[in-house]
Each structure stands twice: as C-alpha cells, then as structure tokens.
Amino acid sequence: MYSLYTAALSFPGFSPALFEIDLGFLGLGTFPIRWYALAYIAGLVIGWRYALALIRRPALWGGKSPATKDDIDDLLFYATLGVILGGRIGYILFYQIPFQFDTIQRDPISILRIWEGGMSFHGGLLGVAIAILIVAKLRGIRLMPIADIAGVVTPIGLFLGRCTNFINAELYGRPTDAPVGMVFPEGNAGGTPAAYDWQAGEWVYTGAEVPRHPSQLYEACLEGLIPALIISFLVWRFGLLKRPGLSAGLFLLFYGIGRSISEQFREPDRFTWGVMPEWLTMGQLLSMPLWLGGVFLVWNALRKPPMQASA
C-alpha cells in the first residue's frame, strides 16, 4: 500500500485498549480498558508515591518536610479533580469555543462527552494550580513547597500521557521525508479521526496516508522524560527543594520550551487551519504564560538563600 514510502517506519499498530471486559451477561457487550485512562491513573498514583518519598526525607527540604502524608493524600484527591475538570474545561475554553462554536451550538451536550476526547494540558495545569491553592489553604501549609512537589512529579504523568497519544495514533506530526517518518492511520481530511476495528483487532487505513513525524514521542521526551530526569537529579543531588519555587519554575520553563519545540513538528488541529497564523500554534500561544511564570519563579527562588536546618 505504501510503495512510495518504502523508507518510512510502520506504525506498530497497538490496540488502544490493554484488554476488554466482557459485560455481555448485563447486555452491555464488551468494555475496553483503554491505555489513555490507565496512563492518567498511573501518572497520578506514581506521582503520589513519589511525593510521599520526597516529604519523608526532611534533608531534601533543609531540615523539615513541608507536608504530611495526609496533606499529600488530600493533594492527590484535589489534583485528580483538577486534572479532569480543568483539562476538559480548558479544552472547551481554549479550543471548542474559539474554533468550534458552531458545533457547540448544534450539539451543546457534546461538551460533556469527555469519552470522545478533548483534554487540554494547559487547562489541567490550571486545575492542578487551583488544587494546590485549596490544599494549602485547607491544610494550613506553605504554598510554594507544594507547588515544588507538583513540579517534580508532573512530568511523569506527561510522559505516560504522550506515550498513549502515540498508541492511540493521535496528535501525530507533520508530513516528512526524514528517516524518522512514520505512516500513521490518519482518518480523512474532513477531520474524522483514525478508526480501530475492534473485531479485526487492527487499525483502518484509507490508503492516502503519508509519513509523518512521530511527534507524540518527541513530546514524551521533551515535556516528560527529560524534565523528570533533570529535575529529579537536581532535587536529589543538589538540594533543589531547599529553594522554594525553584522546582515549580524549572518545570514551567521545561514544559514551555519542550512544547514550543515539539509544536514545530506536530500537525496543528484541523479546526485551527486558516485561523491561527502558520508560524504560531495554539499550544505555543498557551505556553507563553508558562515561560513568564517559570522565569519569575526561578528568579525569585535564586535571589533568596536556600533553606537550612535549624540548629
């Protein structure tokens, strides 16, 4: 089928679901346990466990941990709500209302159908920021150290999420003739997403697909893996958490840089074609405040001496 693109890599063709649960005895057929949902769960649980490991080591904080296990448990609960609600509301505000308002007018209930896709990282980030504010207020703890914990653990969830974008054959890159080009199942030019034939257990190709950058993997590395490794190394080796706000600021900078670079290779959403200028994507535009916030937090953290253990 792809004789013109013999040098292109083939999409591995993973199933979007790890396995399916047979609910036929209830008359509901089968229920797929999707990788995307598992990535959300795994990211939150691993992040929670990592956060607990951080607060159990007072030396990382200059002598006294800023939170207790109960504080982190509360943070997990509110952060979960923030990720889900913020991610969906952000998608509605940043993408559906500006670019797909006619769709909302025709079918207002579509904004509630979260299972059809449509989550915004920037909205989820705002949701988590609100969650951090709520936990700090309710538990009577300092705000910046909790934000720093989020800065350390959030890249884990980002890495897992981008990997599942790849598995789902979504958010693929722009056409390329580079050796890294990969032929994804693309759906059609009208915007219909790629389809997976659950009965046959394979992706459906139209025959018009072209090699594209596997931009999901670029994002997994630039937004998730690299920040997670570097920030964690600085935390455990150089006492990053002794400077309140530094970890959170570095995360914002890493994400802003990584997202801005990867957007050069990622195919823009079809509904933004002709609306956004060719040199700017919505992801880059929404990342600009993160650059500013990151620079401010890093500057503010470095102008103060690190926290030291009390004598």
Protein backbone atom coordinates (compact mmCIF):
# COMPACT_ATOMS: atom_id res chain seq x y z
CA MET A 1 0.00 0.00 0.00
CA TYR A 2 2.89 2.35 0.78
CA SER A 3 5.25 1.55 -2.10
CA LEU A 4 6.07 5.24 -2.49
CA TYR A 5 7.22 5.37 1.13
CA THR A 6 9.32 2.25 1.48
CA ALA A 7 11.77 4.15 3.71
CA ALA A 8 9.04 5.16 6.16
CA LEU A 9 8.63 3.45 9.50
CA SER A 10 5.46 1.44 10.09
CA PHE A 11 3.16 2.37 12.95
CA PRO A 12 3.34 -0.52 15.45
CA GLY A 13 -0.46 -0.79 15.47
CA PHE A 14 -1.01 -1.23 19.19
CA SER A 15 -4.58 -1.67 20.33
CA PRO A 16 -5.96 1.45 22.08
CA ALA A 17 -7.04 -0.86 24.92
CA LEU A 18 -4.92 -3.09 27.13
CA PHE A 19 -7.79 -5.57 27.39
CA GLU A 20 -11.58 -5.75 27.23
CA ILE A 21 -14.06 -6.77 29.90
CA ASP A 22 -16.99 -8.88 28.69
CA LEU A 23 -20.21 -7.42 30.10
CA GLY A 24 -22.43 -9.48 27.83
CA PHE A 25 -24.22 -11.00 30.80
CA LEU A 26 -25.51 -7.48 31.53
CA GLY A 27 -26.42 -6.87 27.91
CA LEU A 28 -23.65 -4.26 27.60
CA GLY A 29 -21.23 -6.09 25.29
CA THR A 30 -17.53 -5.53 25.91
CA PHE A 31 -15.92 -2.64 27.78
CA PRO A 32 -12.35 -1.74 26.71
CA ILE A 33 -9.83 -0.73 29.39
CA ARG A 34 -8.02 1.92 27.41
CA TRP A 35 -4.35 2.84 27.71
CA TYR A 36 -5.26 6.52 27.96
CA ALA A 37 -7.30 6.06 31.13
CA LEU A 38 -4.59 3.80 32.56
CA ALA A 39 -1.98 6.50 31.85
CA TYR A 40 -3.98 9.05 33.86
CA ILE A 41 -4.33 6.61 36.76
CA ALA A 42 -0.68 5.52 36.65
CA GLY A 43 0.56 9.11 36.44
CA LEU A 44 -1.46 10.15 39.48
CA VAL A 45 -0.55 7.10 41.56
CA ILE A 46 3.17 7.17 40.71
CA GLY A 47 3.25 10.92 41.32
CA TRP A 48 1.53 10.43 44.69
CA ARG A 49 4.04 7.78 45.75
CA TYR A 50 6.96 9.93 44.60
CA ALA A 51 5.57 12.91 46.53
CA LEU A 52 5.40 10.78 49.67
CA ALA A 53 9.02 9.75 49.15
CA LEU A 54 10.02 13.43 48.95
CA ILE A 55 8.31 14.51 52.16
CA ARG A 56 9.76 11.53 54.06
CA ARG A 57 13.25 12.98 53.58
CA PRO A 58 13.49 16.23 55.57
CA ALA A 59 17.10 16.75 54.42
CA LEU A 60 15.84 17.49 50.91
CA TRP A 61 13.94 20.47 52.32
CA GLY A 62 16.68 21.86 54.51
CA GLY A 63 15.70 20.04 57.68
CA LYS A 64 11.89 19.96 57.87
CA SER A 65 9.34 18.49 55.49
CA PRO A 66 6.66 20.96 54.40
CA ALA A 67 3.77 18.47 54.40
CA THR A 68 2.45 15.28 55.95
CA LYS A 69 1.10 12.12 54.35
CA ASP A 70 -2.45 13.38 54.93
CA ASP A 71 -1.57 16.61 53.12
CA ILE A 72 -0.30 14.66 50.10
CA ASP A 73 -3.36 12.38 50.17
CA ASP A 74 -5.59 15.45 50.02
CA LEU A 75 -3.45 16.84 47.21
CA LEU A 76 -3.93 13.62 45.22
CA PHE A 77 -7.71 13.91 45.55
CA TYR A 78 -7.93 17.57 44.54
CA ALA A 79 -5.27 17.22 41.83
CA THR A 80 -7.27 14.37 40.26
CA LEU A 81 -10.32 16.62 40.10
CA GLY A 82 -8.19 19.47 38.80
CA VAL A 83 -6.67 17.37 36.01
CA ILE A 84 -10.01 16.00 34.81
CA LEU A 85 -12.21 19.09 35.24
CA GLY A 86 -9.51 21.58 34.34
CA GLY A 87 -8.41 19.56 31.33
CA ARG A 88 -11.94 19.38 29.95
CA ILE A 89 -12.96 22.96 30.78
CA GLY A 90 -9.67 24.18 29.33
CA TYR A 91 -10.34 22.32 26.09
CA ILE A 92 -13.78 23.91 25.86
CA LEU A 93 -12.46 27.42 26.57
CA PHE A 94 -9.23 27.24 24.54
CA TYR A 95 -10.32 25.12 21.58
CA GLN A 96 -14.06 24.49 21.26
CA ILE A 97 -15.43 27.98 21.91
CA PRO A 98 -12.87 29.85 19.73
CA PHE A 99 -12.71 27.31 16.89
CA GLN A 100 -15.74 25.00 17.10
CA PHE A 101 -18.51 27.19 18.50
CA ASP A 102 -20.87 26.15 15.70
CA THR A 103 -20.52 22.54 16.85
CA ILE A 104 -21.45 23.54 20.41
CA GLN A 105 -24.48 25.43 19.11
CA ARG A 106 -25.68 22.39 17.15
CA ASP A 107 -24.93 19.90 19.92
CA PRO A 108 -24.47 21.56 23.35
CA ILE A 109 -24.27 18.17 25.10
CA SER A 110 -21.01 17.49 23.22
CA ILE A 111 -19.12 19.48 25.85
CA LEU A 112 -19.98 16.76 28.38
CA ARG A 113 -18.89 13.79 26.25
CA ILE A 114 -15.39 13.58 27.65
CA TRP A 115 -15.04 9.99 26.44
CA GLU A 116 -14.97 11.25 22.85
CA GLY A 117 -11.69 13.05 23.54
CA GLY A 118 -10.77 16.64 24.14
CA MET A 119 -8.47 17.42 27.07
CA SER A 120 -6.15 20.40 27.40
CA PHE A 121 -2.88 20.17 29.32
CA HIS A 122 -2.95 23.90 30.00
CA GLY A 123 -6.45 23.60 31.43
CA GLY A 124 -5.36 20.63 33.53
CA LEU A 125 -2.38 22.66 34.78
CA LEU A 126 -4.70 25.46 35.89
CA GLY A 127 -6.86 22.85 37.60
CA VAL A 128 -3.86 21.47 39.50
CA ALA A 129 -2.78 25.02 40.44
CA ILE A 130 -6.23 25.60 41.94
CA ALA A 131 -5.96 22.23 43.72
CA ILE A 132 -2.63 23.28 45.24
CA LEU A 133 -4.17 26.55 46.46
CA ILE A 134 -7.09 24.69 48.01
CA VAL A 135 -4.88 22.15 49.79
CA ALA A 136 -2.50 24.84 51.09
CA LYS A 137 -5.46 26.82 52.45
CA LEU A 138 -7.35 23.89 53.96
CA ARG A 139 -4.30 22.23 55.48
CA GLY A 140 -2.56 25.43 56.58
CA ILE A 141 0.70 24.66 54.79
CA ARG A 142 3.06 26.77 52.69
CA LEU A 143 2.13 27.12 49.04
CA MET A 144 5.50 27.06 47.27
CA PRO A 145 6.79 23.72 48.60
CA ILE A 146 3.56 22.03 47.47
CA ALA A 147 3.96 23.63 44.04
CA ASP A 148 7.54 22.33 44.00
CA ILE A 149 6.33 18.79 44.67
CA ALA A 150 3.98 19.13 41.70
CA GLY A 151 6.90 20.40 39.61
CA VAL A 152 8.87 17.23 40.39
CA VAL A 153 6.12 14.66 39.80
CA THR A 154 4.03 16.16 36.97
CA PRO A 155 6.48 15.23 34.16
CA ILE A 156 5.84 11.56 34.96
CA GLY A 157 2.19 11.88 34.01
CA LEU A 158 3.08 13.92 30.94
CA PHE A 159 5.45 11.23 29.72
CA LEU A 160 2.84 8.50 30.14
CA GLY A 161 0.13 10.61 28.52
CA ARG A 162 2.20 11.36 25.41
CA CYS A 163 3.10 7.68 25.07
CA THR A 164 -0.61 6.84 24.99
CA ASN A 165 -1.17 9.57 22.38
CA PHE A 166 1.25 7.55 20.26
CA ILE A 167 -0.53 4.27 21.00
CA ASN A 168 -3.85 5.91 20.06
CA ALA A 169 -2.43 7.18 16.74
CA GLU A 170 -3.50 10.72 17.65
CA LEU A 171 -1.73 14.10 17.69
CA TYR A 172 0.74 12.83 15.09
CA GLY A 173 3.22 15.10 13.34
CA ARG A 174 3.52 16.99 10.11
CA PRO A 175 4.39 15.18 6.86
CA THR A 176 8.09 14.48 6.45
CA ASP A 177 10.51 12.64 4.19
CA ALA A 178 13.04 12.29 7.04
CA PRO A 179 14.13 8.77 8.07
CA VAL A 180 12.05 9.07 11.25
CA GLY A 181 8.84 9.47 9.22
CA MET A 182 6.13 7.04 10.27
CA VAL A 183 2.91 6.10 8.47
CA PHE A 184 0.03 6.53 10.91
CA PRO A 185 -3.63 5.62 10.30
CA GLU A 186 -4.95 9.13 9.69
CA GLY A 187 -8.70 9.04 9.12
CA ASN A 188 -9.62 11.55 6.41
CA ALA A 189 -9.13 15.18 5.51
CA GLY A 190 -12.57 16.07 6.81
CA GLY A 191 -11.33 15.64 10.33
CA THR A 192 -12.60 12.14 11.09
CA PRO A 193 -10.08 10.50 13.45
CA ALA A 194 -8.34 7.26 12.65
CA ALA A 195 -10.52 4.23 13.33
CA TYR A 196 -9.65 1.00 15.08
CA ASP A 197 -11.50 -2.13 14.01
CA TRP A 198 -12.15 -3.86 17.32
CA GLN A 199 -13.41 -7.04 15.68
CA ALA A 200 -10.42 -7.44 13.40
CA GLY A 201 -8.03 -6.10 16.02
CA GLU A 202 -6.31 -3.67 13.65
CA TRP A 203 -6.24 -0.04 12.58
CA VAL A 204 -8.15 1.06 9.48
CA TYR A 205 -6.11 2.77 6.77
CA THR A 206 -7.58 4.82 3.91
CA GLY A 207 -4.61 4.36 1.58
CA ALA A 208 -3.92 8.10 1.44
CA GLU A 209 -1.63 8.22 4.47
CA VAL A 210 1.83 9.81 4.25
CA PRO A 211 4.89 9.54 6.50
CA ARG A 212 4.74 11.91 9.44
CA HIS A 213 6.88 12.88 12.40
CA PRO A 214 6.09 10.71 15.47
CA SER A 215 5.67 13.97 17.37
CA GLN A 216 3.98 12.25 20.30
CA LEU A 217 7.33 10.62 21.12
CA TYR A 218 9.14 13.94 20.74
CA GLU A 219 6.71 15.43 23.26
CA ALA A 220 7.03 12.45 25.60
CA CYS A 221 10.77 13.13 25.80
CA LEU A 222 10.80 16.94 25.75
CA GLU A 223 7.81 17.52 28.03
CA GLY A 224 8.05 14.47 30.27
CA LEU A 225 11.14 12.27 30.33
CA ILE A 226 13.88 14.91 30.12
CA PRO A 227 12.31 17.29 32.70
CA ALA A 228 11.60 14.36 35.04
CA LEU A 229 15.22 13.17 34.91
CA ILE A 230 16.86 16.59 35.18
CA ILE A 231 14.61 17.98 37.91
CA SER A 232 14.86 14.78 39.94
CA PHE A 233 18.65 14.77 39.58
CA LEU A 234 18.80 18.38 40.84
CA VAL A 235 16.48 17.53 43.73
CA TRP A 236 18.44 14.51 44.95
CA ARG A 237 21.95 15.71 44.13
CA PHE A 238 21.88 19.49 44.54
CA GLY A 239 19.07 20.22 47.02
CA LEU A 240 16.70 21.92 44.58
CA LEU A 241 13.80 21.78 47.06
CA LYS A 242 15.71 23.96 49.54
CA ARG A 243 14.83 26.94 47.36
CA PRO A 244 11.01 27.30 47.40
CA GLY A 245 9.56 27.80 43.93
CA LEU A 246 12.65 26.68 42.00
CA SER A 247 11.39 23.22 41.10
CA ALA A 248 8.00 24.56 40.03
CA GLY A 249 9.63 27.31 37.96
CA LEU A 250 12.01 24.92 36.22
CA PHE A 251 9.12 22.63 35.34
CA LEU A 252 7.20 25.50 33.74
CA LEU A 253 10.27 26.50 31.74
CA PHE A 254 11.00 22.94 30.65
CA TYR A 255 7.42 22.43 29.56
CA GLY A 256 7.22 25.76 27.74
CA ILE A 257 10.46 25.06 25.86
CA GLY A 258 9.58 21.43 25.11
CA ARG A 259 6.07 22.23 23.91
CA SER A 260 7.26 25.12 21.74
CA ILE A 261 9.88 22.93 20.06
CA SER A 262 7.63 19.90 19.56
CA GLU A 263 4.86 22.06 18.08
CA GLN A 264 7.18 22.70 15.13
CA PHE A 265 6.81 19.01 14.24
CA ARG A 266 3.23 18.35 15.37
CA GLU A 267 0.32 18.61 12.95
CA PRO A 268 -1.90 21.52 14.09
CA ASP A 269 -5.52 20.72 14.88
CA ARG A 270 -7.55 20.82 11.69
CA PHE A 271 -10.10 23.22 13.14
CA THR A 272 -7.35 25.85 13.62
CA TRP A 273 -6.30 25.78 9.96
CA GLY A 274 -6.81 29.20 8.41
CA VAL A 275 -7.49 30.77 11.82
CA MET A 276 -4.09 30.62 13.53
CA PRO A 277 -1.08 32.03 11.65
CA GLU A 278 1.23 29.43 10.12
CA TRP A 279 4.14 30.47 12.38
CA LEU A 280 2.17 30.06 15.63
CA THR A 281 0.10 27.22 17.10
CA MET A 282 -2.41 27.29 19.94
CA GLY A 283 -0.10 25.12 22.03
CA GLN A 284 2.71 27.67 21.69
CA LEU A 285 0.39 30.58 22.44
CA LEU A 286 -0.91 28.94 25.61
CA SER A 287 2.64 28.12 26.70
CA MET A 288 3.78 31.76 26.69
CA PRO A 289 2.42 32.48 30.20
CA LEU A 290 4.29 29.39 31.42
CA TRP A 291 7.56 30.87 30.20
CA LEU A 292 6.86 34.09 32.10
CA GLY A 293 5.72 32.28 35.24
CA GLY A 294 8.72 29.97 35.12
CA VAL A 295 11.21 32.84 34.75
CA PHE A 296 9.64 34.69 37.67
CA LEU A 297 9.64 31.65 39.98
CA VAL A 298 13.26 30.77 39.16
CA TRP A 299 14.40 34.37 39.65
CA ASN A 300 12.50 34.68 42.92
CA ALA A 301 13.90 31.40 44.24
CA LEU A 302 17.51 32.15 43.34
CA ARG A 303 17.55 35.61 44.90
CA LYS A 304 16.98 34.11 48.37
CA PRO A 305 19.35 31.88 50.36
CA PRO A 306 18.48 28.16 50.48
CA MET A 307 16.57 26.77 53.45
CA GLN A 308 18.86 25.44 56.18
CA ALA A 309 18.21 23.05 59.07
CA SER A 310 17.64 24.78 62.39
CA ALA A 311 20.47 24.45 64.89
